[in-house]
Amino acid sequence: MKKLICALLISLLVVAGCQSNEVVKETTPSSEKNIVNKEREPEADDTMILYKFDNQNFTVTHKSNSLVIEGKDYSIIVEETKEKSGLEKGKYQSIIVEREGSTVTSKLKFTEEPDKINSLSFSDTNNYLAFTGFYSHLGNQLYIIDLNNGGTIDLLEKLTGLGYKRIETIHTYNWGPNKDVISFAFGDPSLSNLAIYDLNSNEITVIPTKSHFINTLSIMWHKKGDFIDYVVEENSDQFKLYRYDLKKSNFELIKEVSRDEFLRKYKQYTPDDLS
């Protein structure tokens, strides 16, 4: 009996050892590099009860002359400009969006070519795609593509039309739940204004705030869309959580936020980074 038990134990150890040494190999075409899987899973904390979470999984592939982003039912190709010299890195000249089951192919050719495409996010309705292009002399600019007709919206142009002349960057953004509405923060490295853009009415509402913010780190929509919470930086490394009531047009301070709490709870609500 003891010999039988010993034989069974040895067999189990051999099988376990074989399983632990199993290797799965992936083949990558020579023209591709830096394949990144962006699978966002929400952290299990109390914020998930309050906030809308965008779980937009996709794969980013850096090719020799383009950036390819593939999701469940879409493909985005960001075309790179040819290098002008052996030392100068090419910029991105256009972005093409193709969706499964749609006859519309959306293409945006940049008037001024960005150095990098930083992030992207689809609206809850899947009618629009928002993404940021980074310019070394300016900062992040937010573009929106209408996936139904291929049209594009440059928020910088719209804000300039409202009288905001010195806009250097879009700090962050986030789509609202179940509607074509997006909240974003804009300004420069020392000033961050908060705004809401309703794409159906084509109206931008700049939120009046009594405090001066130098940066906005995260924008969180409540699941029903009645409130928006903002994690802002008032002074260097001093973060606070403010809430805007859309029905009452009321903006109030909720609490102070530590850097650790921001990283642990609120950073997951920032747009998907493509790096």
C-alpha atoms as a PDB file:
ATOM      1  CA  MET A   1       0.000   0.000   0.000  1.00  0.00           C
ATOM      2  CA  LYS A   2       2.836   2.411   0.924  1.00  0.00           C
ATOM      3  CA  LYS A   3       4.560   1.661  -2.386  1.00  0.00           C
ATOM      4  CA  LEU A   4       1.336   2.467  -4.269  1.00  0.00           C
ATOM      5  CA  ILE A   5       0.950   5.832  -2.464  1.00  0.00           C
ATOM      6  CA  CYS A   6       4.599   6.755  -3.161  1.00  0.00           C
ATOM      7  CA  ALA A   7       4.147   5.912  -6.837  1.00  0.00           C
ATOM      8  CA  LEU A   8       1.058   8.134  -7.054  1.00  0.00           C
ATOM      9  CA  LEU A   9       2.870  11.044  -5.368  1.00  0.00           C
ATOM     10  CA  ILE A  10       5.813  10.758  -7.759  1.00  0.00           C
ATOM     11  CA  SER A  11       3.420  10.746 -10.738  1.00  0.00           C
ATOM     12  CA  LEU A  12       1.666  13.907  -9.513  1.00  0.00           C
ATOM     13  CA  LEU A  13       4.992  15.712  -9.014  1.00  0.00           C
ATOM     14  CA  VAL A  14       6.124  14.819 -12.537  1.00  0.00           C
ATOM     15  CA  VAL A  15       2.848  16.105 -14.075  1.00  0.00           C
ATOM     16  CA  ALA A  16       3.006  19.353 -12.061  1.00  0.00           C
ATOM     17  CA  GLY A  17       6.605  19.914 -13.122  1.00  0.00           C
ATOM     18  CA  CYS A  18       5.672  19.493 -16.784  1.00  0.00           C
ATOM     19  CA  GLN A  19       2.812  21.968 -16.490  1.00  0.00           C
ATOM     20  CA  SER A  20       4.943  24.639 -14.816  1.00  0.00           C
ATOM     21  CA  ASN A  21       7.528  24.433 -17.608  1.00  0.00           C
ATOM     22  CA  GLU A  22       4.979  24.882 -20.397  1.00  0.00           C
ATOM     23  CA  VAL A  23       5.811  27.892 -22.598  1.00  0.00           C
ATOM     24  CA  VAL A  24       3.406  29.657 -24.945  1.00  0.00           C
ATOM     25  CA  LYS A  25       5.157  31.376 -27.829  1.00  0.00           C
ATOM     26  CA  GLU A  26       3.736  34.232 -29.877  1.00  0.00           C
ATOM     27  CA  THR A  27       4.854  34.925 -33.417  1.00  0.00           C
ATOM     28  CA  THR A  28       5.222  38.573 -34.323  1.00  0.00           C
ATOM     29  CA  PRO A  29       5.620  39.818 -37.913  1.00  0.00           C
ATOM     30  CA  SER A  30       8.926  41.568 -38.529  1.00  0.00           C
ATOM     31  CA  SER A  31       7.131  44.819 -39.432  1.00  0.00           C
ATOM     32  CA  GLU A  32       5.489  45.048 -36.017  1.00  0.00           C
ATOM     33  CA  LYS A  33       6.897  45.985 -32.630  1.00  0.00           C
ATOM     34  CA  ASN A  34       5.771  46.863 -29.124  1.00  0.00           C
ATOM     35  CA  ILE A  35       2.387  45.131 -29.094  1.00  0.00           C
ATOM     36  CA  VAL A  36       0.531  46.365 -26.017  1.00  0.00           C
ATOM     37  CA  ASN A  37      -2.705  44.857 -24.684  1.00  0.00           C
ATOM     38  CA  LYS A  38      -4.873  47.454 -22.947  1.00  0.00           C
ATOM     39  CA  GLU A  39      -7.267  45.452 -20.791  1.00  0.00           C
ATOM     40  CA  ARG A  40      -8.737  47.747 -18.182  1.00  0.00           C
ATOM     41  CA  GLU A  41     -10.232  46.120 -15.124  1.00  0.00           C
ATOM     42  CA  PRO A  42     -11.745  48.335 -12.428  1.00  0.00           C
ATOM     43  CA  GLU A  43     -10.235  48.302  -8.968  1.00  0.00           C
ATOM     44  CA  ALA A  44     -12.552  46.848  -6.341  1.00  0.00           C
ATOM     45  CA  ASP A  45     -13.247  49.909  -4.197  1.00  0.00           C
ATOM     46  CA  ASP A  46     -16.109  52.174  -3.170  1.00  0.00           C
ATOM     47  CA  THR A  47     -15.757  54.399  -6.248  1.00  0.00           C
ATOM     48  CA  MET A  48     -17.226  51.666  -8.454  1.00  0.00           C
ATOM     49  CA  ILE A  49     -20.592  52.171  -6.750  1.00  0.00           C
ATOM     50  CA  LEU A  50     -20.630  55.834  -7.786  1.00  0.00           C
ATOM     51  CA  TYR A  51     -18.857  56.240 -11.095  1.00  0.00           C
ATOM     52  CA  LYS A  52     -19.266  55.155 -14.681  1.00  0.00           C
ATOM     53  CA  PHE A  53     -16.275  53.043 -15.749  1.00  0.00           C
ATOM     54  CA  ASP A  54     -15.216  52.682 -19.388  1.00  0.00           C
ATOM     55  CA  ASN A  55     -13.786  49.217 -19.909  1.00  0.00           C
ATOM     56  CA  GLN A  56     -12.551  49.734 -23.464  1.00  0.00           C
ATOM     57  CA  ASN A  57     -10.098  46.934 -24.152  1.00  0.00           C
ATOM     58  CA  PHE A  58      -7.867  47.183 -27.199  1.00  0.00           C
ATOM     59  CA  THR A  59      -4.495  46.192 -28.604  1.00  0.00           C
ATOM     60  CA  VAL A  60      -1.873  48.718 -29.709  1.00  0.00           C
ATOM     61  CA  THR A  61       0.670  47.693 -32.342  1.00  0.00           C
ATOM     62  CA  HIS A  62       3.550  49.977 -33.314  1.00  0.00           C
ATOM     63  CA  LYS A  63       4.488  49.339 -36.939  1.00  0.00           C
ATOM     64  CA  SER A  64       7.250  50.898 -39.009  1.00  0.00           C
ATOM     65  CA  ASN A  65       5.054  53.685 -40.413  1.00  0.00           C
ATOM     66  CA  SER A  66       1.833  53.571 -38.404  1.00  0.00           C
ATOM     67  CA  LEU A  67       0.122  52.924 -35.100  1.00  0.00           C
ATOM     68  CA  VAL A  68      -2.632  50.279 -35.244  1.00  0.00           C
ATOM     69  CA  ILE A  69      -5.283  50.134 -32.504  1.00  0.00           C
ATOM     70  CA  GLU A  70      -7.680  47.187 -32.626  1.00  0.00           C
ATOM     71  CA  GLY A  71     -10.730  46.580 -30.458  1.00  0.00           C
ATOM     72  CA  LYS A  72     -13.661  44.193 -30.482  1.00  0.00           C
ATOM     73  CA  ASP A  73     -15.449  45.781 -33.448  1.00  0.00           C
ATOM     74  CA  TYR A  74     -13.156  48.519 -34.716  1.00  0.00           C
ATOM     75  CA  SER A  75      -9.756  49.239 -36.184  1.00  0.00           C
ATOM     76  CA  ILE A  76      -7.904  52.564 -35.942  1.00  0.00           C
ATOM     77  CA  ILE A  77      -4.854  53.303 -38.081  1.00  0.00           C
ATOM     78  CA  VAL A  78      -2.728  56.333 -37.240  1.00  0.00           C
ATOM     79  CA  GLU A  79      -0.492  57.027 -40.242  1.00  0.00           C
ATOM     80  CA  GLU A  80       2.972  58.392 -39.625  1.00  0.00           C
ATOM     81  CA  THR A  81       4.672  61.011 -41.788  1.00  0.00           C
ATOM     82  CA  LYS A  82       7.779  59.815 -43.580  1.00  0.00           C
ATOM     83  CA  GLU A  83      10.980  60.765 -41.813  1.00  0.00           C
ATOM     84  CA  LYS A  84      12.611  63.881 -43.232  1.00  0.00           C
ATOM     85  CA  SER A  85      16.088  62.755 -42.208  1.00  0.00           C
ATOM     86  CA  GLY A  86      17.754  59.815 -40.569  1.00  0.00           C
ATOM     87  CA  LEU A  87      17.703  61.568 -37.194  1.00  0.00           C
ATOM     88  CA  GLU A  88      14.255  63.154 -37.232  1.00  0.00           C
ATOM     89  CA  LYS A  89      11.327  61.046 -36.068  1.00  0.00           C
ATOM     90  CA  GLY A  90       8.190  61.174 -38.188  1.00  0.00           C
ATOM     91  CA  LYS A  91       4.982  62.746 -36.899  1.00  0.00           C
ATOM     92  CA  TYR A  92       1.420  61.496 -37.348  1.00  0.00           C
ATOM     93  CA  GLN A  93      -0.375  62.845 -40.409  1.00  0.00           C
ATOM     94  CA  SER A  94      -3.820  61.223 -40.262  1.00  0.00           C
ATOM     95  CA  ILE A  95      -6.109  58.888 -38.343  1.00  0.00           C
ATOM     96  CA  ILE A  96      -8.500  56.390 -39.955  1.00  0.00           C
ATOM     97  CA  VAL A  97     -11.366  54.679 -38.094  1.00  0.00           C
ATOM     98  CA  GLU A  98     -13.167  51.609 -39.459  1.00  0.00           C
ATOM     99  CA  ARG A  99     -15.999  49.898 -37.598  1.00  0.00           C
ATOM    100  CA  GLU A 100     -17.463  46.454 -38.098  1.00  0.00           C
ATOM    101  CA  GLY A 101     -20.899  46.591 -39.745  1.00  0.00           C
ATOM    102  CA  SER A 102     -20.542  50.263 -40.721  1.00  0.00           C
ATOM    103  CA  THR A 103     -20.205  51.609 -44.254  1.00  0.00           C
ATOM    104  CA  VAL A 104     -18.620  54.827 -42.967  1.00  0.00           C
ATOM    105  CA  THR A 105     -14.829  55.104 -42.827  1.00  0.00           C
ATOM    106  CA  SER A 106     -13.792  58.147 -40.809  1.00  0.00           C
ATOM    107  CA  LYS A 107     -10.517  59.834 -41.726  1.00  0.00           C
ATOM    108  CA  LEU A 108      -8.971  62.940 -40.177  1.00  0.00           C
ATOM    109  CA  LYS A 109      -5.944  64.507 -41.855  1.00  0.00           C
ATOM    110  CA  PHE A 110      -4.193  66.822 -39.401  1.00  0.00           C
ATOM    111  CA  THR A 111      -3.579  70.410 -40.465  1.00  0.00           C
ATOM    112  CA  GLU A 112      -0.740  70.476 -37.963  1.00  0.00           C
ATOM    113  CA  GLU A 113       0.784  67.068 -37.346  1.00  0.00           C
ATOM    114  CA  PRO A 114       0.969  65.901 -33.702  1.00  0.00           C
ATOM    115  CA  ASP A 115       4.104  64.278 -32.305  1.00  0.00           C
ATOM    116  CA  LYS A 116       2.079  61.594 -30.556  1.00  0.00           C
ATOM    117  CA  ILE A 117      -1.445  60.228 -30.091  1.00  0.00           C
ATOM    118  CA  ASN A 118      -1.771  59.985 -26.316  1.00  0.00           C
ATOM    119  CA  SER A 119      -5.196  58.533 -25.561  1.00  0.00           C
ATOM    120  CA  LEU A 120      -8.577  57.598 -26.984  1.00  0.00           C
ATOM    121  CA  SER A 121     -12.106  56.899 -25.748  1.00  0.00           C
ATOM    122  CA  PHE A 122     -15.439  56.026 -27.399  1.00  0.00           C
ATOM    123  CA  SER A 123     -18.629  57.724 -26.239  1.00  0.00           C
ATOM    124  CA  ASP A 124     -21.195  55.593 -24.416  1.00  0.00           C
ATOM    125  CA  THR A 125     -23.457  55.736 -27.472  1.00  0.00           C
ATOM    126  CA  ASN A 126     -20.583  54.698 -29.770  1.00  0.00           C
ATOM    127  CA  ASN A 127     -21.419  57.671 -31.987  1.00  0.00           C
ATOM    128  CA  TYR A 128     -18.128  59.471 -31.336  1.00  0.00           C
ATOM    129  CA  LEU A 129     -14.443  58.810 -30.755  1.00  0.00           C
ATOM    130  CA  ALA A 130     -12.378  61.282 -28.721  1.00  0.00           C
ATOM    131  CA  PHE A 131      -8.584  61.277 -28.750  1.00  0.00           C
ATOM    132  CA  THR A 132      -5.725  63.582 -27.816  1.00  0.00           C
ATOM    133  CA  GLY A 133      -2.808  64.550 -30.012  1.00  0.00           C
ATOM    134  CA  PHE A 134       0.351  65.832 -28.317  1.00  0.00           C
ATOM    135  CA  TYR A 135       2.303  68.784 -29.732  1.00  0.00           C
ATOM    136  CA  SER A 136       5.740  69.456 -28.240  1.00  0.00           C
ATOM    137  CA  HIS A 137       5.335  73.245 -28.527  1.00  0.00           C
ATOM    138  CA  LEU A 138       1.723  73.306 -27.325  1.00  0.00           C
ATOM    139  CA  GLY A 139       0.519  70.320 -25.309  1.00  0.00           C
ATOM    140  CA  ASN A 140      -2.455  67.960 -25.718  1.00  0.00           C
ATOM    141  CA  GLN A 141      -5.286  68.881 -28.077  1.00  0.00           C
ATOM    142  CA  LEU A 142      -8.627  67.055 -28.034  1.00  0.00           C
ATOM    143  CA  TYR A 143     -10.265  65.906 -31.270  1.00  0.00           C
ATOM    144  CA  ILE A 144     -13.653  64.238 -31.705  1.00  0.00           C
ATOM    145  CA  ILE A 145     -14.660  62.121 -34.718  1.00  0.00           C
ATOM    146  CA  ASP A 146     -18.324  61.596 -35.644  1.00  0.00           C
ATOM    147  CA  LEU A 147     -18.432  57.895 -36.505  1.00  0.00           C
ATOM    148  CA  ASN A 148     -21.787  58.202 -38.288  1.00  0.00           C
ATOM    149  CA  ASN A 149     -20.722  60.674 -40.957  1.00  0.00           C
ATOM    150  CA  GLY A 150     -16.935  60.865 -40.668  1.00  0.00           C
ATOM    151  CA  GLY A 151     -16.958  64.505 -39.566  1.00  0.00           C
ATOM    152  CA  THR A 152     -14.424  65.873 -37.077  1.00  0.00           C
ATOM    153  CA  ILE A 153     -14.560  68.411 -34.248  1.00  0.00           C
ATOM    154  CA  ASP A 154     -11.565  70.417 -33.030  1.00  0.00           C
ATOM    155  CA  LEU A 155     -12.349  71.611 -29.502  1.00  0.00           C
ATOM    156  CA  LEU A 156      -9.519  74.140 -29.613  1.00  0.00           C
ATOM    157  CA  GLU A 157     -11.248  75.948 -32.472  1.00  0.00           C
ATOM    158  CA  LYS A 158     -14.570  75.940 -30.614  1.00  0.00           C
ATOM    159  CA  LEU A 159     -13.023  77.338 -27.431  1.00  0.00           C
ATOM    160  CA  THR A 160     -11.216  80.015 -29.421  1.00  0.00           C
ATOM    161  CA  GLY A 161     -14.589  81.001 -30.856  1.00  0.00           C
ATOM    162  CA  LEU A 162     -15.873  81.484 -27.290  1.00  0.00           C
ATOM    163  CA  GLY A 163     -13.104  83.989 -26.594  1.00  0.00           C
ATOM    164  CA  TYR A 164     -10.468  81.748 -25.004  1.00  0.00           C
ATOM    165  CA  LYS A 165      -7.358  82.860 -26.868  1.00  0.00           C
ATOM    166  CA  ARG A 166      -4.480  81.243 -24.984  1.00  0.00           C
ATOM    167  CA  ILE A 167      -5.239  77.541 -24.732  1.00  0.00           C
ATOM    168  CA  GLU A 168      -2.121  75.422 -24.568  1.00  0.00           C
ATOM    169  CA  THR A 169      -3.430  72.028 -23.543  1.00  0.00           C
ATOM    170  CA  ILE A 170      -6.368  69.766 -22.724  1.00  0.00           C
ATOM    171  CA  HIS A 171      -5.556  68.268 -19.326  1.00  0.00           C
ATOM    172  CA  THR A 172      -8.013  65.365 -19.333  1.00  0.00           C
ATOM    173  CA  TYR A 173     -11.529  64.346 -20.442  1.00  0.00           C
ATOM    174  CA  ASN A 174     -14.266  61.747 -19.928  1.00  0.00           C
ATOM    175  CA  TRP A 175     -17.541  60.851 -21.640  1.00  0.00           C
ATOM    176  CA  GLY A 176     -20.842  61.032 -19.788  1.00  0.00           C
ATOM    177  CA  PRO A 177     -23.164  58.024 -19.416  1.00  0.00           C
ATOM    178  CA  ASN A 178     -25.707  57.155 -22.134  1.00  0.00           C
ATOM    179  CA  LYS A 179     -25.445  60.518 -23.916  1.00  0.00           C
ATOM    180  CA  ASP A 180     -23.194  62.295 -26.395  1.00  0.00           C
ATOM    181  CA  VAL A 181     -21.717  64.622 -23.787  1.00  0.00           C
ATOM    182  CA  ILE A 182     -18.095  64.977 -22.698  1.00  0.00           C
ATOM    183  CA  SER A 183     -16.458  66.853 -19.842  1.00  0.00           C
ATOM    184  CA  PHE A 184     -12.906  68.118 -20.216  1.00  0.00           C
ATOM    185  CA  ALA A 185     -10.337  70.427 -18.636  1.00  0.00           C
ATOM    186  CA  PHE A 186      -8.403  72.992 -20.661  1.00  0.00           C
ATOM    187  CA  GLY A 187      -5.888  75.778 -20.124  1.00  0.00           C
ATOM    188  CA  ASP A 188      -2.121  75.914 -19.724  1.00  0.00           C
ATOM    189  CA  PRO A 189       0.499  74.456 -17.334  1.00  0.00           C
ATOM    190  CA  SER A 190      -0.615  76.834 -14.560  1.00  0.00           C
ATOM    191  CA  LEU A 191      -4.380  77.059 -15.192  1.00  0.00           C
ATOM    192  CA  SER A 192      -7.081  74.423 -15.645  1.00  0.00           C
ATOM    193  CA  ASN A 193     -10.670  75.337 -16.581  1.00  0.00           C
ATOM    194  CA  LEU A 194     -13.513  72.809 -16.413  1.00  0.00           C
ATOM    195  CA  ALA A 195     -16.086  72.480 -19.181  1.00  0.00           C
ATOM    196  CA  ILE A 196     -18.865  70.279 -20.577  1.00  0.00           C
ATOM    197  CA  TYR A 197     -19.565  69.841 -24.287  1.00  0.00           C
ATOM    198  CA  ASP A 198     -22.994  68.587 -25.412  1.00  0.00           C
ATOM    199  CA  LEU A 199     -22.565  67.316 -28.956  1.00  0.00           C
ATOM    200  CA  ASN A 200     -26.311  67.119 -29.636  1.00  0.00           C
ATOM    201  CA  SER A 201     -26.902  70.804 -28.890  1.00  0.00           C
ATOM    202  CA  ASN A 202     -23.352  71.785 -29.940  1.00  0.00           C
ATOM    203  CA  GLU A 203     -22.975  73.830 -26.740  1.00  0.00           C
ATOM    204  CA  ILE A 204     -19.964  74.214 -24.460  1.00  0.00           C
ATOM    205  CA  THR A 205     -20.591  75.101 -20.807  1.00  0.00           C
ATOM    206  CA  VAL A 206     -17.589  76.380 -18.852  1.00  0.00           C
ATOM    207  CA  ILE A 207     -18.094  75.563 -15.151  1.00  0.00           C
ATOM    208  CA  PRO A 208     -17.701  78.593 -12.871  1.00  0.00           C
ATOM    209  CA  THR A 209     -15.250  77.885 -10.034  1.00  0.00           C
ATOM    210  CA  LYS A 210     -14.171  80.221  -7.239  1.00  0.00           C
ATOM    211  CA  SER A 211     -10.842  78.454  -6.794  1.00  0.00           C
ATOM    212  CA  HIS A 212      -7.808  78.542  -9.084  1.00  0.00           C
ATOM    213  CA  PHE A 213      -6.728  75.128 -10.383  1.00  0.00           C
ATOM    214  CA  ILE A 214      -3.320  74.490 -11.920  1.00  0.00           C
ATOM    215  CA  ASN A 215      -4.215  71.003 -13.168  1.00  0.00           C
ATOM    216  CA  THR A 216      -7.078  68.515 -13.459  1.00  0.00           C
ATOM    217  CA  LEU A 217      -6.101  64.882 -13.021  1.00  0.00           C
ATOM    218  CA  SER A 218      -9.351  62.913 -13.334  1.00  0.00           C
ATOM    219  CA  ILE A 219     -12.976  63.453 -14.320  1.00  0.00           C
ATOM    220  CA  MET A 220     -15.550  60.974 -12.986  1.00  0.00           C
ATOM    221  CA  TRP A 221     -19.192  60.911 -14.070  1.00  0.00           C
ATOM    222  CA  HIS A 222     -21.730  59.480 -11.660  1.00  0.00           C
ATOM    223  CA  LYS A 223     -23.528  56.522 -13.206  1.00  0.00           C
ATOM    224  CA  LYS A 224     -26.836  58.385 -13.603  1.00  0.00           C
ATOM    225  CA  GLY A 225     -25.128  61.448 -15.050  1.00  0.00           C
ATOM    226  CA  ASP A 226     -26.431  63.896 -12.407  1.00  0.00           C
ATOM    227  CA  PHE A 227     -23.007  64.763 -10.972  1.00  0.00           C
ATOM    228  CA  ILE A 228     -19.420  65.050 -12.156  1.00  0.00           C
ATOM    229  CA  ASP A 229     -16.488  64.716  -9.755  1.00  0.00           C
ATOM    230  CA  TYR A 230     -13.123  66.311 -10.523  1.00  0.00           C
ATOM    231  CA  VAL A 231      -9.765  65.572  -8.913  1.00  0.00           C
ATOM    232  CA  VAL A 232      -7.872  68.855  -9.267  1.00  0.00           C
ATOM    233  CA  GLU A 233      -4.535  70.275  -8.191  1.00  0.00           C
ATOM    234  CA  GLU A 234      -4.922  73.665  -6.482  1.00  0.00           C
ATOM    235  CA  ASN A 235      -1.291  74.066  -5.447  1.00  0.00           C
ATOM    236  CA  SER A 236       1.706  71.926  -6.293  1.00  0.00           C
ATOM    237  CA  ASP A 237       0.997  68.355  -5.083  1.00  0.00           C
ATOM    238  CA  GLN A 238      -2.155  69.454  -3.213  1.00  0.00           C
ATOM    239  CA  PHE A 239      -5.150  67.569  -4.615  1.00  0.00           C
ATOM    240  CA  LYS A 240      -8.857  68.007  -3.919  1.00  0.00           C
ATOM    241  CA  LEU A 241     -12.100  66.383  -5.025  1.00  0.00           C
ATOM    242  CA  TYR A 242     -14.813  68.775  -6.247  1.00  0.00           C
ATOM    243  CA  ARG A 243     -18.357  67.919  -7.347  1.00  0.00           C
ATOM    244  CA  TYR A 244     -20.511  69.638  -9.962  1.00  0.00           C
ATOM    245  CA  ASP A 245     -24.300  69.193  -9.758  1.00  0.00           C
ATOM    246  CA  LEU A 246     -25.609  69.454 -13.329  1.00  0.00           C
ATOM    247  CA  LYS A 247     -29.223  70.082 -12.271  1.00  0.00           C
ATOM    248  CA  LYS A 248     -28.433  72.812  -9.729  1.00  0.00           C
ATOM    249  CA  SER A 249     -25.312  74.141 -11.507  1.00  0.00           C
ATOM    250  CA  ASN A 250     -23.601  73.953  -8.117  1.00  0.00           C
ATOM    251  CA  PHE A 251     -19.849  73.389  -7.681  1.00  0.00           C
ATOM    252  CA  GLU A 252     -18.579  72.370  -4.233  1.00  0.00           C
ATOM    253  CA  LEU A 253     -15.553  70.940  -2.459  1.00  0.00           C
ATOM    254  CA  ILE A 254     -15.973  67.355  -1.228  1.00  0.00           C
ATOM    255  CA  LYS A 255     -12.614  66.491   0.333  1.00  0.00           C
ATOM    256  CA  GLU A 256      -8.849  66.624   0.078  1.00  0.00           C
ATOM    257  CA  VAL A 257      -7.165  63.757  -1.784  1.00  0.00           C
ATOM    258  CA  SER A 258      -3.684  62.379  -1.172  1.00  0.00           C
ATOM    259  CA  ARG A 259      -1.442  61.329  -4.046  1.00  0.00           C
ATOM    260  CA  ASP A 260      -1.741  57.713  -2.913  1.00  0.00           C
ATOM    261  CA  GLU A 261      -5.549  57.895  -2.894  1.00  0.00           C
ATOM    262  CA  PHE A 262      -5.578  59.421  -6.374  1.00  0.00           C
ATOM    263  CA  LEU A 263      -3.369  56.664  -7.745  1.00  0.00           C
ATOM    264  CA  ARG A 264      -5.327  53.957  -5.950  1.00  0.00           C
ATOM    265  CA  LYS A 265      -8.893  55.146  -6.589  1.00  0.00           C
ATOM    266  CA  TYR A 266      -9.202  57.827  -9.234  1.00  0.00           C
ATOM    267  CA  LYS A 267      -6.450  57.395 -11.815  1.00  0.00           C
ATOM    268  CA  GLN A 268      -8.353  54.488 -13.379  1.00  0.00           C
ATOM    269  CA  TYR A 269     -10.939  56.990 -14.667  1.00  0.00           C
ATOM    270  CA  THR A 270      -8.452  58.809 -16.900  1.00  0.00           C
ATOM    271  CA  PRO A 271      -8.539  58.036 -20.662  1.00  0.00           C
ATOM    272  CA  ASP A 272      -6.648  54.996 -21.959  1.00  0.00           C
ATOM    273  CA  ASP A 273      -2.969  55.734 -22.474  1.00  0.00           C
ATOM    274  CA  LEU A 274      -1.612  54.366 -25.754  1.00  0.00           C
ATOM    275  CA  SER A 275       2.035  54.158 -24.682  1.00  0.00           C
END
